[in-house]
Amino acid sequence: MELKITPLKCTGCGACEIACSMYQDETNSTMVSSIILHREEKKNYFGIMIKTQKDVYLARPEGPEWLSQSEGASGPKPILLRPPCDGCKNREDKLCVKFCPSGSIEEGFTEEAG
């Protein structure tokens, strides 16, 4: 994966989800994005979840982890029903990086699952 996620910078604005959905399906619906916000019952707690070809990457304030496809199936917007991230291969720039106002998503390297 060619994204570096810093969840402590995330404000939960959802710009990454909207940008990804515009790339995936040219719609303003976050139901088709490969990236979603991860929220828990804690104030100002945000993480970012990305579906890759094989697994689901979850970047949380406690640290990142790789989940199997079945573990990423929970939540109101199941990520398994979405297309995997392809790094915006039809573009020169990655839209989630471009539109993230807090800089929590950057181009970089995150270690792939073993």
Protein backbone atom coordinates (compact mmCIF):
# COMPACT_ATOMS: atom_id res chain seq x y z
CA MET A 1 0.00 0.00 0.00
CA GLU A 2 1.39 3.39 -0.93
CA LEU A 3 -0.36 5.47 1.71
CA LYS A 4 0.91 6.61 5.07
CA ILE A 5 -1.88 7.13 7.62
CA THR A 6 -1.52 9.22 10.79
CA PRO A 7 -4.85 8.71 12.60
CA LEU A 8 -4.08 11.22 15.35
CA LYS A 9 -4.29 13.98 12.71
CA CYS A 10 -7.70 12.80 11.45
CA THR A 11 -10.61 15.15 12.20
CA GLY A 12 -13.31 12.82 10.88
CA CYS A 13 -14.36 15.18 8.09
CA GLY A 14 -14.92 12.37 5.56
CA ALA A 15 -13.21 14.17 2.67
CA CYS A 16 -11.19 11.02 1.91
CA GLU A 17 -14.36 8.94 1.55
CA ILE A 18 -15.99 11.45 -0.78
CA ALA A 19 -12.84 11.86 -2.89
CA CYS A 20 -12.52 8.09 -3.23
CA SER A 21 -16.17 7.67 -4.18
CA MET A 22 -15.78 10.33 -6.87
CA TYR A 23 -12.84 8.35 -8.26
CA GLN A 24 -14.54 4.95 -8.00
CA ASP A 25 -18.00 5.79 -9.33
CA GLU A 26 -18.16 9.54 -10.00
CA THR A 27 -20.80 9.86 -7.29
CA ASN A 28 -21.06 11.81 -4.08
CA SER A 29 -22.01 8.69 -2.13
CA THR A 30 -19.49 7.26 0.31
CA MET A 31 -20.96 3.77 -0.19
CA VAL A 32 -18.53 2.97 -3.00
CA SER A 33 -15.26 4.29 -1.56
CA SER A 34 -12.37 1.96 -0.70
CA ILE A 35 -11.63 4.04 2.39
CA ILE A 36 -13.91 4.68 5.36
CA LEU A 37 -13.72 6.41 8.70
CA HIS A 38 -13.41 4.15 11.71
CA ARG A 39 -15.17 5.48 14.79
CA GLU A 40 -15.62 4.14 18.28
CA GLU A 41 -17.61 5.35 21.27
CA LYS A 42 -14.85 7.75 22.33
CA LYS A 43 -14.91 11.50 21.92
CA ASN A 44 -12.71 12.71 19.05
CA TYR A 45 -11.63 9.16 18.18
CA PHE A 46 -11.09 8.61 14.48
CA GLY A 47 -9.28 6.01 12.46
CA ILE A 48 -9.13 5.16 8.80
CA MET A 49 -9.91 1.79 7.21
CA ILE A 50 -8.79 0.90 3.67
CA LYS A 51 -9.73 -2.17 1.67
CA THR A 52 -6.78 -3.57 -0.28
CA GLN A 53 -6.73 -6.48 -2.72
CA LYS A 54 -6.12 -9.06 0.05
CA ASP A 55 -6.85 -7.52 3.44
CA VAL A 56 -8.24 -4.50 5.26
CA TYR A 57 -5.83 -1.95 6.76
CA LEU A 58 -7.06 -0.27 9.93
CA ALA A 59 -5.11 2.75 11.14
CA ARG A 60 -6.23 3.60 14.69
CA PRO A 61 -4.72 5.94 17.29
CA GLU A 62 -3.41 2.87 19.21
CA GLY A 63 -1.55 1.72 16.14
CA PRO A 64 -2.22 0.13 12.76
CA GLU A 65 -3.32 -3.42 12.17
CA TRP A 66 -4.20 -5.66 9.27
CA LEU A 67 -7.56 -7.40 9.38
CA SER A 68 -8.70 -10.34 7.33
CA GLN A 69 -11.50 -9.62 4.88
CA SER A 70 -14.00 -11.24 7.28
CA GLU A 71 -12.92 -8.99 10.18
CA GLY A 72 -13.54 -5.89 8.06
CA ALA A 73 -17.15 -6.85 7.44
CA SER A 74 -18.66 -5.16 10.48
CA GLY A 75 -20.17 -1.71 10.70
CA PRO A 76 -22.96 0.23 9.03
CA LYS A 77 -20.97 0.61 5.81
CA PRO A 78 -19.31 -2.80 5.29
CA ILE A 79 -16.04 -2.29 3.50
CA LEU A 80 -16.10 -5.76 1.95
CA LEU A 81 -18.83 -4.71 -0.47
CA ARG A 82 -16.61 -2.01 -1.91
CA PRO A 83 -13.90 -2.12 -4.56
CA PRO A 84 -10.31 -2.42 -3.27
CA CYS A 85 -8.04 0.60 -3.35
CA ASP A 86 -5.99 0.77 -6.53
CA GLY A 87 -4.09 3.92 -5.60
CA CYS A 88 -6.08 5.98 -8.11
CA LYS A 89 -4.19 4.21 -10.89
CA ASN A 90 -5.93 6.25 -13.59
CA ARG A 91 -4.68 9.50 -12.08
CA GLU A 92 -1.33 11.14 -11.35
CA ASP A 93 -2.37 11.97 -7.78
CA LYS A 94 -4.17 10.06 -5.05
CA LEU A 95 -7.46 11.83 -4.34
CA CYS A 96 -7.68 10.84 -0.66
CA VAL A 97 -4.25 12.43 -0.13
CA LYS A 98 -5.09 15.51 -2.19
CA PHE A 99 -8.33 16.28 -0.36
CA CYS A 100 -7.35 15.37 3.23
CA PRO A 101 -7.32 18.81 4.93
CA SER A 102 -5.51 17.62 8.08
CA GLY A 103 -2.68 15.75 6.35
CA SER A 104 -3.55 12.46 8.04
CA ILE A 105 -3.27 10.65 4.70
CA GLU A 106 0.00 11.07 2.82
CA GLU A 107 1.82 9.32 0.04
CA GLY A 108 4.29 6.96 1.60
CA PHE A 109 4.71 3.35 2.50
CA THR A 110 2.75 1.24 4.92
CA GLU A 111 3.96 -2.30 5.41
CA GLU A 112 1.78 -4.92 3.76
CA ALA A 113 0.22 -7.73 5.72
CA GLY A 114 2.34 -10.85 6.13
